[in-house]
Amino acid sequence: MNNPVISANKLSLTYQTNDGPVHALQDINLDIKKGEFVSFIGPSGCGKTTFLRVIAELETPTNGTIQVNGMSASEARMQRAYGYVFQAAGLYPWRTIGGNIKLPLEIMGYSKEQREERVAHVLELVELSGFDKKFPWQLSGGMQQRASIARALAFDADILLMDEPFGALDEIVRDHLNEQLLKLWARTQKTIGFVTHSIPEAVFLSTKIVVMSPRPGRIANIIESTLPRDRSLDIRESQEFLDIAAEVRDGLRTGHADE
């Protein structure tokens, strides 16, 4: 029961380029347990997204190992162990919201009845019930991103990987979606890996914050949150929140200093 859902051991990734090797990740050791909400934060180019892509087998490490649900990344992909939410919603404009959410279910061979049931369920989870017949252009940016999350939840994978899903949204919308995401996490008990550039977002959402250093991407610090799982936005005014944010900021500074 205590086995990690995601486990990286001495994981490194080096790209070979015309200008020489680029060390994207170096000696990453990390365990993520079932039901944790883990945020990855660090400067641009530090390997946050690369690590998420390694979990999803969108990138292949050059050294070390990664296990997802006790399987290799390749096996986990074949078993559809995770849903992936990209920075852009990536909805097909010619498909309705319901049609976009159904797409992975169609590919996976779900029956029409199962597809309809799942679409209704995940739209309710992201508070978009009744929008299944709308097209993406009829929805705001925040609503489109919620539809993208619904699509990633459609086949009920245990793990949700999210690559800066709210980065392009304004602060008010982002705050609202942060609150909604915490409610969604509480209801579904998913294990979430979340990439962000925002310290307040990382602290507000997470049970664990992984602070990464500039390239080559290494883990500078892992901070376990002491905040209660049931949180509202006003917790950001608390001393406990501010102390954790200061610890993250110190970790980012230390990572830069060690470069």
Protein backbone atom coordinates (compact mmCIF):
# COMPACT_ATOMS: atom_id res chain seq x y z
CA MET A 1 0.00 0.00 0.00
CA ASN A 2 2.95 2.31 0.71
CA ASN A 3 4.61 1.63 -2.64
CA PRO A 4 5.10 4.90 -4.56
CA VAL A 5 2.83 5.53 -7.54
CA ILE A 6 5.69 7.29 -9.36
CA SER A 7 9.32 6.50 -8.58
CA ALA A 8 12.40 8.01 -10.23
CA ASN A 9 15.84 6.62 -9.42
CA LYS A 10 19.03 8.40 -10.55
CA LEU A 11 17.13 9.60 -13.60
CA SER A 12 18.97 11.76 -16.12
CA LEU A 13 18.15 12.99 -19.61
CA THR A 14 20.63 14.52 -22.04
CA TYR A 15 19.69 15.85 -25.47
CA GLN A 16 22.27 15.67 -28.22
CA THR A 17 22.23 18.87 -30.28
CA ASN A 18 24.39 20.42 -32.99
CA ASP A 19 25.84 22.70 -30.30
CA GLY A 20 26.71 19.80 -28.03
CA PRO A 21 24.85 17.92 -25.28
CA VAL A 22 22.09 19.61 -23.26
CA HIS A 23 21.65 18.14 -19.78
CA ALA A 24 17.91 18.55 -19.14
CA LEU A 25 17.69 16.34 -16.04
CA GLN A 26 20.42 15.06 -13.74
CA ASP A 27 20.21 12.42 -10.99
CA ILE A 28 16.54 12.84 -10.14
CA ASN A 29 15.47 10.71 -7.16
CA LEU A 30 11.81 11.13 -6.26
CA ASP A 31 8.91 9.08 -4.91
CA ILE A 32 5.30 10.22 -5.25
CA LYS A 33 2.76 8.39 -3.13
CA LYS A 34 -0.83 7.60 -3.98
CA GLY A 35 -3.14 10.57 -3.51
CA GLU A 36 -0.39 13.17 -3.22
CA PHE A 37 -0.56 16.52 -5.00
CA VAL A 38 3.02 17.26 -6.05
CA SER A 39 3.98 20.55 -7.68
CA PHE A 40 7.21 21.08 -9.62
CA ILE A 41 8.56 24.62 -9.57
CA GLY A 42 11.76 26.19 -10.87
CA PRO A 43 13.11 28.59 -13.48
CA SER A 44 12.39 28.16 -17.18
CA GLY A 45 14.45 25.36 -18.68
CA CYS A 46 14.99 23.53 -15.38
CA GLY A 47 13.37 20.31 -16.54
CA LYS A 48 9.96 20.53 -14.83
CA THR A 49 7.99 19.75 -17.96
CA THR A 50 10.67 17.32 -19.18
CA PHE A 51 10.22 15.24 -16.02
CA LEU A 52 6.44 15.16 -16.51
CA ARG A 53 7.00 14.08 -20.11
CA VAL A 54 9.34 11.30 -18.96
CA ILE A 55 6.57 9.98 -16.68
CA ALA A 56 4.23 9.99 -19.69
CA GLU A 57 6.86 8.39 -21.99
CA LEU A 58 6.85 11.47 -24.20
CA GLU A 59 10.60 11.66 -23.47
CA THR A 60 13.06 8.82 -22.84
CA PRO A 61 15.67 9.14 -20.07
CA THR A 62 19.29 8.49 -20.97
CA ASN A 63 20.15 7.11 -17.52
CA GLY A 64 18.32 5.85 -14.45
CA THR A 65 14.81 4.48 -14.14
CA ILE A 66 11.22 5.66 -13.87
CA GLN A 67 8.35 3.52 -12.63
CA VAL A 68 4.67 4.41 -12.85
CA ASN A 69 2.21 2.27 -10.89
CA GLY A 70 4.96 -0.32 -10.52
CA MET A 71 5.44 -0.51 -14.30
CA SER A 72 7.81 1.00 -16.80
CA ALA A 73 6.64 4.29 -18.37
CA SER A 74 5.95 2.37 -21.58
CA GLU A 75 3.75 -0.21 -19.82
CA ALA A 76 1.97 2.55 -17.89
CA ARG A 77 1.18 4.34 -21.16
CA MET A 78 -0.20 1.14 -22.66
CA GLN A 79 -2.28 0.60 -19.50
CA ARG A 80 -3.48 4.22 -19.70
CA ALA A 81 -2.35 4.86 -16.14
CA TYR A 82 -2.55 8.66 -16.42
CA GLY A 83 -4.33 11.58 -18.01
CA TYR A 84 -2.25 14.51 -19.30
CA VAL A 85 -3.30 18.17 -19.34
CA PHE A 86 -1.11 20.45 -21.50
CA GLN A 87 -0.46 24.19 -21.18
CA ALA A 88 -2.93 24.91 -23.98
CA ALA A 89 -6.38 23.31 -23.85
CA GLY A 90 -5.77 21.69 -27.26
CA LEU A 91 -9.45 21.17 -28.03
CA TYR A 92 -10.42 20.34 -31.62
CA PRO A 93 -12.47 23.34 -32.85
CA TRP A 94 -14.69 21.22 -35.13
CA ARG A 95 -15.76 18.96 -32.24
CA THR A 96 -18.18 19.94 -29.51
CA ILE A 97 -16.96 19.90 -25.91
CA GLY A 98 -18.65 16.53 -25.46
CA GLY A 99 -17.07 15.32 -28.70
CA ASN A 100 -13.61 16.40 -27.53
CA ILE A 101 -14.02 14.55 -24.23
CA LYS A 102 -15.29 11.44 -26.03
CA LEU A 103 -12.29 11.26 -28.34
CA PRO A 104 -9.98 9.16 -26.07
CA LEU A 105 -12.97 6.98 -25.17
CA GLU A 106 -13.70 6.37 -28.85
CA ILE A 107 -10.06 5.42 -29.45
CA MET A 108 -10.17 3.07 -26.45
CA GLY A 109 -13.33 1.34 -27.71
CA TYR A 110 -15.88 2.40 -25.10
CA SER A 111 -19.52 1.83 -26.08
CA LYS A 112 -21.74 4.78 -26.97
CA GLU A 113 -23.62 4.41 -23.69
CA GLN A 114 -20.37 4.32 -21.68
CA ARG A 115 -19.09 7.40 -23.52
CA GLU A 116 -22.25 9.36 -22.76
CA GLU A 117 -22.13 8.36 -19.07
CA ARG A 118 -18.48 9.31 -18.69
CA VAL A 119 -18.87 12.65 -20.47
CA ALA A 120 -21.78 13.59 -18.19
CA HIS A 121 -19.77 12.51 -15.11
CA VAL A 122 -16.56 14.42 -15.89
CA LEU A 123 -18.41 17.56 -17.02
CA GLU A 124 -20.16 17.54 -13.66
CA LEU A 125 -16.78 17.11 -11.92
CA VAL A 126 -15.35 20.24 -13.60
CA GLU A 127 -18.63 22.18 -13.24
CA LEU A 128 -19.39 22.29 -16.97
CA SER A 129 -22.64 20.30 -16.98
CA GLY A 130 -24.83 21.40 -19.89
CA PHE A 131 -21.91 22.57 -22.05
CA ASP A 132 -21.41 19.31 -23.95
CA LYS A 133 -23.06 20.64 -27.14
CA LYS A 134 -21.04 23.88 -27.16
CA PHE A 135 -17.96 24.33 -29.34
CA PRO A 136 -14.61 25.42 -27.87
CA TRP A 137 -14.83 28.92 -29.37
CA GLN A 138 -18.05 29.46 -27.41
CA LEU A 139 -16.23 28.99 -24.08
CA SER A 140 -13.85 31.26 -22.17
CA GLY A 141 -10.19 30.28 -21.78
CA GLY A 142 -10.79 29.04 -18.26
CA MET A 143 -13.76 26.94 -19.34
CA GLN A 144 -11.76 25.47 -22.22
CA GLN A 145 -9.04 24.41 -19.79
CA ARG A 146 -11.66 22.80 -17.52
CA ALA A 147 -12.92 20.89 -20.58
CA SER A 148 -9.33 19.78 -21.22
CA ILE A 149 -9.13 18.51 -17.63
CA ALA A 150 -12.44 16.69 -18.13
CA ARG A 151 -11.00 14.97 -21.23
CA ALA A 152 -7.96 13.84 -19.19
CA LEU A 153 -10.31 12.47 -16.51
CA ALA A 154 -12.64 10.73 -18.96
CA PHE A 155 -11.07 7.26 -18.75
CA ASP A 156 -10.61 7.50 -14.97
CA ALA A 157 -6.83 7.08 -14.73
CA ASP A 158 -5.36 7.11 -11.23
CA ILE A 159 -2.75 9.76 -12.10
CA LEU A 160 -3.28 13.25 -13.52
CA LEU A 161 -0.25 15.03 -15.02
CA MET A 162 -0.73 18.79 -15.50
CA ASP A 163 1.77 21.00 -17.29
CA GLU A 164 1.11 24.64 -16.30
CA PRO A 165 -2.58 24.33 -17.17
CA PHE A 166 -3.48 27.77 -15.79
CA GLY A 167 -0.34 29.69 -16.79
CA ALA A 168 -2.00 31.69 -19.58
CA LEU A 169 -5.05 32.72 -17.55
CA ASP A 170 -5.59 35.93 -15.62
CA GLU A 171 -5.18 35.88 -11.85
CA ILE A 172 -8.88 35.94 -10.94
CA VAL A 173 -9.70 33.00 -13.22
CA ARG A 174 -6.56 31.19 -12.08
CA ASP A 175 -7.53 31.55 -8.40
CA HIS A 176 -11.01 30.18 -9.14
CA LEU A 177 -9.61 27.20 -11.05
CA ASN A 178 -7.09 26.51 -8.27
CA GLU A 179 -10.01 26.21 -5.84
CA GLN A 180 -11.93 24.00 -8.26
CA LEU A 181 -8.91 21.78 -8.81
CA LEU A 182 -8.53 21.19 -5.06
CA LYS A 183 -12.22 20.21 -4.85
CA LEU A 184 -11.77 17.89 -7.83
CA TRP A 185 -8.70 16.31 -6.21
CA ALA A 186 -10.60 15.81 -2.93
CA ARG A 187 -13.50 14.13 -4.76
CA THR A 188 -11.45 11.88 -7.04
CA GLN A 189 -8.43 11.07 -4.81
CA LYS A 190 -6.18 11.21 -7.89
CA THR A 191 -2.42 11.44 -7.64
CA ILE A 192 -1.48 14.75 -9.29
CA GLY A 193 1.81 15.97 -10.75
CA PHE A 194 1.57 19.70 -11.47
CA VAL A 195 4.09 22.01 -13.16
CA THR A 196 3.96 25.72 -12.29
CA HIS A 197 6.07 28.89 -12.23
CA SER A 198 3.95 30.39 -9.45
CA ILE A 199 5.06 30.06 -5.82
CA PRO A 200 1.59 30.92 -4.39
CA GLU A 201 -0.04 28.39 -6.74
CA ALA A 202 2.43 25.66 -5.78
CA VAL A 203 1.97 26.29 -2.04
CA PHE A 204 -1.82 26.57 -2.25
CA LEU A 205 -2.35 23.35 -4.21
CA SER A 206 0.28 20.92 -3.00
CA THR A 207 0.98 18.32 -0.37
CA LYS A 208 4.59 18.30 -1.61
CA ILE A 209 6.58 20.91 -3.54
CA VAL A 210 9.60 19.84 -5.60
CA VAL A 211 11.94 22.81 -6.13
CA MET A 212 14.18 22.37 -9.18
CA SER A 213 17.47 24.08 -9.99
CA PRO A 214 18.51 25.61 -13.33
CA ARG A 215 19.81 23.29 -16.02
CA PRO A 216 20.99 20.63 -15.58
CA GLY A 217 17.65 20.07 -13.86
CA ARG A 218 18.20 18.71 -10.38
CA ILE A 219 16.02 18.64 -7.27
CA ALA A 220 17.17 21.49 -5.04
CA ASN A 221 14.63 20.86 -2.28
CA ILE A 222 11.50 18.84 -1.47
CA ILE A 223 9.09 20.64 0.84
CA GLU A 224 6.28 18.74 2.58
CA SER A 225 3.29 21.00 3.13
CA THR A 226 1.84 21.26 6.63
CA LEU A 227 -1.34 22.98 5.40
CA PRO A 228 -4.66 21.13 5.87
CA ARG A 229 -5.95 19.40 2.74
CA ASP A 230 -9.20 21.34 2.97
CA ARG A 231 -8.08 24.86 2.00
CA SER A 232 -9.69 28.04 0.74
CA LEU A 233 -7.92 31.00 -0.86
CA ASP A 234 -7.83 32.99 2.36
CA ILE A 235 -5.28 30.50 3.74
CA ARG A 236 -2.77 32.44 1.63
CA GLU A 237 -2.89 35.19 4.26
CA SER A 238 -1.85 32.81 7.06
CA GLN A 239 1.63 32.79 8.55
CA GLU A 240 1.94 29.06 7.86
CA PHE A 241 1.34 29.65 4.13
CA LEU A 242 3.80 32.56 4.04
CA ASP A 243 6.45 30.45 5.82
CA ILE A 244 6.13 27.63 3.26
CA ALA A 245 6.27 30.17 0.40
CA ALA A 246 9.46 31.63 1.93
CA GLU A 247 10.97 28.12 2.10
CA VAL A 248 10.17 27.57 -1.59
CA ARG A 249 11.70 30.95 -2.46
CA ASP A 250 14.84 30.08 -0.49
CA GLY A 251 15.05 26.75 -2.33
CA LEU A 252 14.87 28.54 -5.68
CA ARG A 253 17.60 30.99 -4.61
CA THR A 254 19.82 28.15 -3.34
CA GLY A 255 19.34 26.28 -6.60
CA HIS A 256 20.54 29.32 -8.53
CA ALA A 257 23.47 29.84 -6.18
CA ASP A 258 24.63 26.25 -6.63
CA GLU A 259 24.67 26.57 -10.41
